[in-house]
């Protein structure tokens, strides 16, 4: 359980670092051709999702148990990251580019 929590914490930091480091690459016409505002919106949506998830799933841990909810949130995260890897442009990422 501790290893899983540490791994998810590292993935969280890695996600923010990747958006910061690759933001300029995502604006290239050879990649997703996003506007700088869309790259910023993606980072903002990620952080808003993290806060909303912490509030929602944090309350659920008291009711259903930490282990069950931890694996549920990890599965949601991994599914979202895997699906975003197949985006062909900003619109494919979702509403308003995120």
N, C-alpha and C. Protein backbone atom coordinates (compact mmCIF):
# COMPACT_ATOMS: atom_id res chain seq x y z
N UNK A 1 0.83 -1.18 0.00
CA UNK A 1 0.00 0.00 0.00
C UNK A 1 0.88 1.26 0.00
N UNK A 2 1.92 1.24 0.82
CA UNK A 2 2.82 2.38 0.91
C UNK A 2 3.54 2.61 -0.43
N UNK A 3 3.94 1.54 -1.09
CA UNK A 3 4.59 1.67 -2.39
C UNK A 3 3.63 2.26 -3.41
N UNK A 4 2.37 1.84 -3.37
CA UNK A 4 1.37 2.39 -4.29
C UNK A 4 1.12 3.86 -4.05
N UNK A 5 1.07 4.27 -2.80
CA UNK A 5 0.88 5.69 -2.48
C UNK A 5 2.08 6.51 -2.94
N UNK A 6 3.28 5.99 -2.73
CA UNK A 6 4.48 6.69 -3.18
C UNK A 6 4.53 6.80 -4.70
N UNK A 7 4.14 5.73 -5.38
CA UNK A 7 4.12 5.75 -6.84
C UNK A 7 3.12 6.77 -7.36
N UNK A 8 1.94 6.84 -6.74
CA UNK A 8 0.94 7.80 -7.21
C UNK A 8 1.38 9.23 -6.93
N UNK A 9 2.08 9.45 -5.84
CA UNK A 9 2.59 10.78 -5.52
C UNK A 9 3.63 11.20 -6.55
N UNK A 10 4.50 10.25 -6.93
CA UNK A 10 5.50 10.55 -7.96
C UNK A 10 4.84 10.80 -9.31
N UNK A 11 3.81 10.04 -9.65
CA UNK A 11 3.10 10.26 -10.90
C UNK A 11 2.44 11.63 -10.93
N UNK A 12 1.94 12.05 -9.80
CA UNK A 12 1.31 13.36 -9.68
C UNK A 12 2.33 14.46 -9.99
N UNK A 13 3.49 14.39 -9.37
CA UNK A 13 4.54 15.37 -9.62
C UNK A 13 5.06 15.30 -11.05
N UNK A 14 5.15 14.09 -11.57
CA UNK A 14 5.62 13.90 -12.94
C UNK A 14 4.66 14.53 -13.94
N UNK A 15 3.37 14.41 -13.69
CA UNK A 15 2.37 14.98 -14.58
C UNK A 15 2.51 16.50 -14.69
N UNK A 16 2.67 17.16 -13.56
CA UNK A 16 2.84 18.62 -13.55
C UNK A 16 4.14 19.00 -14.24
N UNK A 17 5.20 18.25 -14.00
CA UNK A 17 6.49 18.52 -14.63
C UNK A 17 6.41 18.34 -16.14
N UNK A 18 5.73 17.30 -16.59
CA UNK A 18 5.60 17.04 -18.02
C UNK A 18 4.86 18.17 -18.70
N UNK A 19 3.78 18.64 -18.12
CA UNK A 19 3.02 19.73 -18.73
C UNK A 19 3.88 20.97 -18.82
N UNK A 20 4.65 21.26 -17.78
CA UNK A 20 5.52 22.43 -17.81
C UNK A 20 6.65 22.30 -18.82
N UNK A 21 7.24 21.12 -18.89
CA UNK A 21 8.38 20.93 -19.78
C UNK A 21 7.98 20.77 -21.24
N UNK A 22 6.85 20.17 -21.50
CA UNK A 22 6.46 19.89 -22.87
C UNK A 22 5.43 20.87 -23.42
N UNK A 23 5.09 21.87 -22.66
CA UNK A 23 4.10 22.84 -23.11
C UNK A 23 4.46 23.47 -24.44
N UNK A 24 5.72 23.84 -24.62
CA UNK A 24 6.16 24.46 -25.87
C UNK A 24 6.08 23.47 -27.04
N UNK A 25 6.36 22.22 -26.78
CA UNK A 25 6.30 21.21 -27.83
C UNK A 25 4.85 20.99 -28.29
N UNK A 26 3.90 21.06 -27.37
CA UNK A 26 2.51 20.83 -27.71
C UNK A 26 1.93 21.94 -28.59
N UNK A 27 2.59 23.09 -28.63
CA UNK A 27 2.11 24.19 -29.47
C UNK A 27 2.64 24.09 -30.90
N UNK A 28 3.53 23.18 -31.16
CA UNK A 28 4.11 23.02 -32.50
C UNK A 28 3.07 22.46 -33.47
N UNK A 29 3.08 22.93 -34.72
CA UNK A 29 2.15 22.37 -35.72
C UNK A 29 2.42 20.90 -36.02
N UNK A 30 3.61 20.40 -35.68
CA UNK A 30 3.95 19.00 -35.94
C UNK A 30 3.44 18.07 -34.85
N UNK A 31 2.95 18.65 -33.75
CA UNK A 31 2.41 17.81 -32.67
C UNK A 31 0.90 18.07 -32.59
N UNK A 32 0.41 18.54 -31.44
CA UNK A 32 -1.03 18.78 -31.28
C UNK A 32 -1.47 20.17 -31.73
N UNK A 33 -0.52 21.06 -32.01
CA UNK A 33 -0.82 22.42 -32.49
C UNK A 33 -1.76 23.16 -31.54
N UNK A 34 -1.49 23.06 -30.24
CA UNK A 34 -2.31 23.74 -29.24
C UNK A 34 -1.87 25.18 -29.09
N UNK A 35 -2.79 26.02 -28.68
CA UNK A 35 -2.43 27.40 -28.34
C UNK A 35 -1.81 27.40 -26.94
N UNK A 36 -1.02 28.42 -26.61
CA UNK A 36 -0.49 28.49 -25.24
C UNK A 36 -1.60 28.51 -24.19
N UNK A 37 -2.74 29.10 -24.54
CA UNK A 37 -3.87 29.13 -23.61
C UNK A 37 -4.41 27.71 -23.37
N UNK A 38 -4.44 26.90 -24.42
CA UNK A 38 -4.93 25.53 -24.28
C UNK A 38 -3.97 24.70 -23.41
N UNK A 39 -2.68 24.93 -23.56
CA UNK A 39 -1.70 24.22 -22.72
C UNK A 39 -1.89 24.62 -21.26
N UNK A 40 -2.11 25.91 -21.02
CA UNK A 40 -2.39 26.37 -19.66
C UNK A 40 -3.68 25.80 -19.13
N UNK A 41 -4.70 25.70 -19.99
CA UNK A 41 -5.98 25.14 -19.58
C UNK A 41 -5.84 23.66 -19.21
N UNK A 42 -5.00 22.94 -19.93
CA UNK A 42 -4.78 21.53 -19.61
C UNK A 42 -4.19 21.40 -18.22
N UNK A 43 -3.18 22.21 -17.91
CA UNK A 43 -2.59 22.19 -16.57
C UNK A 43 -3.60 22.57 -15.51
N UNK A 44 -4.41 23.58 -15.80
CA UNK A 44 -5.43 24.01 -14.84
C UNK A 44 -6.49 22.94 -14.63
N UNK A 45 -6.91 22.30 -15.72
CA UNK A 45 -7.90 21.22 -15.60
C UNK A 45 -7.33 20.05 -14.79
N UNK A 46 -6.06 19.77 -14.98
CA UNK A 46 -5.44 18.70 -14.20
C UNK A 46 -5.49 19.02 -12.71
N UNK A 47 -5.10 20.24 -12.37
CA UNK A 47 -5.11 20.62 -10.96
C UNK A 47 -6.52 20.67 -10.39
N UNK A 48 -7.47 21.19 -11.15
CA UNK A 48 -8.87 21.23 -10.69
C UNK A 48 -9.40 19.81 -10.50
N UNK A 49 -9.05 18.91 -11.40
CA UNK A 49 -9.46 17.52 -11.25
C UNK A 49 -8.84 16.86 -10.03
N UNK A 50 -7.60 17.20 -9.75
CA UNK A 50 -6.94 16.64 -8.56
C UNK A 50 -7.62 17.12 -7.28
N UNK A 51 -7.99 18.40 -7.25
CA UNK A 51 -8.67 18.94 -6.06
C UNK A 51 -10.06 18.32 -5.92
N UNK A 52 -10.81 18.28 -7.03
CA UNK A 52 -12.16 17.69 -6.98
C UNK A 52 -12.09 16.21 -6.60
N UNK A 53 -11.12 15.50 -7.16
CA UNK A 53 -10.96 14.09 -6.82
C UNK A 53 -10.60 13.88 -5.36
N UNK A 54 -9.74 14.75 -4.84
CA UNK A 54 -9.36 14.63 -3.43
C UNK A 54 -10.57 14.85 -2.53
N UNK A 55 -11.39 15.83 -2.88
CA UNK A 55 -12.58 16.09 -2.06
C UNK A 55 -13.59 14.96 -2.16
N UNK A 56 -13.87 14.51 -3.37
CA UNK A 56 -14.87 13.45 -3.56
C UNK A 56 -14.40 12.10 -3.01
N UNK A 57 -13.23 11.69 -3.48
CA UNK A 57 -12.75 10.38 -3.08
C UNK A 57 -12.21 10.37 -1.65
N UNK A 58 -11.78 11.53 -1.15
CA UNK A 58 -11.35 11.60 0.25
C UNK A 58 -12.49 11.28 1.19
N UNK A 59 -13.66 11.81 0.91
CA UNK A 59 -14.84 11.52 1.72
C UNK A 59 -15.26 10.06 1.56
N UNK A 60 -15.09 9.52 0.37
CA UNK A 60 -15.48 8.12 0.12
C UNK A 60 -14.59 7.14 0.87
N UNK A 61 -13.34 7.53 1.16
CA UNK A 61 -12.45 6.60 1.87
C UNK A 61 -12.96 6.30 3.27
N UNK A 62 -13.58 7.28 3.91
CA UNK A 62 -14.13 7.04 5.24
C UNK A 62 -15.28 6.04 5.20
N UNK A 63 -15.98 6.04 4.11
CA UNK A 63 -17.16 5.18 3.99
C UNK A 63 -16.83 3.79 3.45
N UNK A 64 -15.94 3.72 2.45
CA UNK A 64 -15.70 2.45 1.76
C UNK A 64 -14.31 1.86 2.00
N UNK A 65 -13.44 2.58 2.67
CA UNK A 65 -12.11 2.07 2.95
C UNK A 65 -11.05 2.66 2.03
N UNK A 66 -9.89 2.90 2.60
CA UNK A 66 -8.81 3.55 1.86
C UNK A 66 -8.29 2.70 0.71
N UNK A 67 -8.11 1.45 0.94
CA UNK A 67 -7.52 0.59 -0.09
C UNK A 67 -8.41 0.51 -1.33
N UNK A 68 -9.68 0.28 -1.14
CA UNK A 68 -10.61 0.17 -2.28
C UNK A 68 -10.67 1.47 -3.07
N UNK A 69 -10.78 2.60 -2.39
CA UNK A 69 -10.87 3.89 -3.07
C UNK A 69 -9.54 4.26 -3.71
N UNK A 70 -8.43 3.92 -3.06
CA UNK A 70 -7.12 4.20 -3.65
C UNK A 70 -6.98 3.51 -5.00
N UNK A 71 -7.33 2.25 -5.07
CA UNK A 71 -7.20 1.53 -6.33
C UNK A 71 -8.21 2.03 -7.36
N UNK A 72 -9.37 2.47 -6.92
CA UNK A 72 -10.34 3.05 -7.84
C UNK A 72 -9.80 4.34 -8.45
N UNK A 73 -9.24 5.21 -7.62
CA UNK A 73 -8.69 6.47 -8.13
C UNK A 73 -7.47 6.23 -9.02
N UNK A 74 -6.66 5.28 -8.66
CA UNK A 74 -5.50 4.95 -9.49
C UNK A 74 -5.95 4.43 -10.86
N UNK A 75 -6.98 3.61 -10.88
CA UNK A 75 -7.53 3.12 -12.14
C UNK A 75 -8.09 4.25 -12.99
N UNK A 76 -8.81 5.20 -12.36
CA UNK A 76 -9.34 6.36 -13.09
C UNK A 76 -8.21 7.19 -13.68
N UNK A 77 -7.17 7.40 -12.90
CA UNK A 77 -6.02 8.18 -13.37
C UNK A 77 -5.35 7.50 -14.56
N UNK A 78 -5.07 6.22 -14.42
CA UNK A 78 -4.38 5.50 -15.49
C UNK A 78 -5.23 5.43 -16.76
N UNK A 79 -6.54 5.27 -16.62
CA UNK A 79 -7.42 5.24 -17.79
C UNK A 79 -7.42 6.61 -18.48
N UNK A 80 -7.46 7.69 -17.71
CA UNK A 80 -7.45 9.03 -18.30
C UNK A 80 -6.15 9.32 -19.02
N UNK A 81 -5.04 8.94 -18.43
CA UNK A 81 -3.74 9.16 -19.06
C UNK A 81 -3.61 8.32 -20.33
N UNK A 82 -4.06 7.08 -20.27
CA UNK A 82 -3.99 6.21 -21.45
C UNK A 82 -4.86 6.76 -22.58
N UNK A 83 -6.05 7.22 -22.27
CA UNK A 83 -6.92 7.77 -23.30
C UNK A 83 -6.36 9.06 -23.88
N UNK A 84 -5.74 9.90 -23.05
CA UNK A 84 -5.18 11.16 -23.56
C UNK A 84 -3.99 10.91 -24.49
N UNK A 85 -3.34 9.77 -24.36
CA UNK A 85 -2.21 9.46 -25.23
C UNK A 85 -2.64 9.28 -26.68
N UNK A 86 -3.93 9.02 -26.90
CA UNK A 86 -4.43 8.81 -28.26
C UNK A 86 -5.03 10.08 -28.87
N UNK A 87 -4.88 11.22 -28.21
CA UNK A 87 -5.45 12.46 -28.73
C UNK A 87 -4.69 12.90 -29.97
N UNK A 88 -5.40 13.26 -31.02
CA UNK A 88 -4.78 13.71 -32.25
C UNK A 88 -4.77 15.22 -32.37
N UNK A 89 -5.55 15.92 -31.54
CA UNK A 89 -5.51 17.39 -31.46
C UNK A 89 -6.11 17.82 -30.12
N UNK A 90 -6.15 19.13 -29.90
CA UNK A 90 -6.65 19.63 -28.62
C UNK A 90 -8.11 19.31 -28.39
N UNK A 91 -8.91 19.33 -29.44
CA UNK A 91 -10.33 19.05 -29.30
C UNK A 91 -10.57 17.60 -28.87
N UNK A 92 -9.68 16.70 -29.25
CA UNK A 92 -9.82 15.30 -28.88
C UNK A 92 -9.58 15.07 -27.39
N UNK A 93 -8.93 16.03 -26.76
CA UNK A 93 -8.71 15.90 -25.31
C UNK A 93 -9.96 16.17 -24.51
N UNK A 94 -10.93 16.85 -25.10
CA UNK A 94 -12.17 17.14 -24.41
C UNK A 94 -12.60 18.57 -24.62
N UNK A 95 -13.62 19.00 -23.89
CA UNK A 95 -14.13 20.37 -24.03
C UNK A 95 -13.04 21.40 -23.73
N UNK A 96 -12.93 22.38 -24.55
CA UNK A 96 -11.98 23.49 -24.40
C UNK A 96 -10.54 23.02 -24.35
N UNK A 97 -10.24 21.89 -24.96
CA UNK A 97 -8.87 21.41 -25.03
C UNK A 97 -8.40 20.67 -23.80
N UNK A 98 -9.30 20.37 -22.86
CA UNK A 98 -8.88 19.57 -21.70
C UNK A 98 -10.00 18.75 -21.17
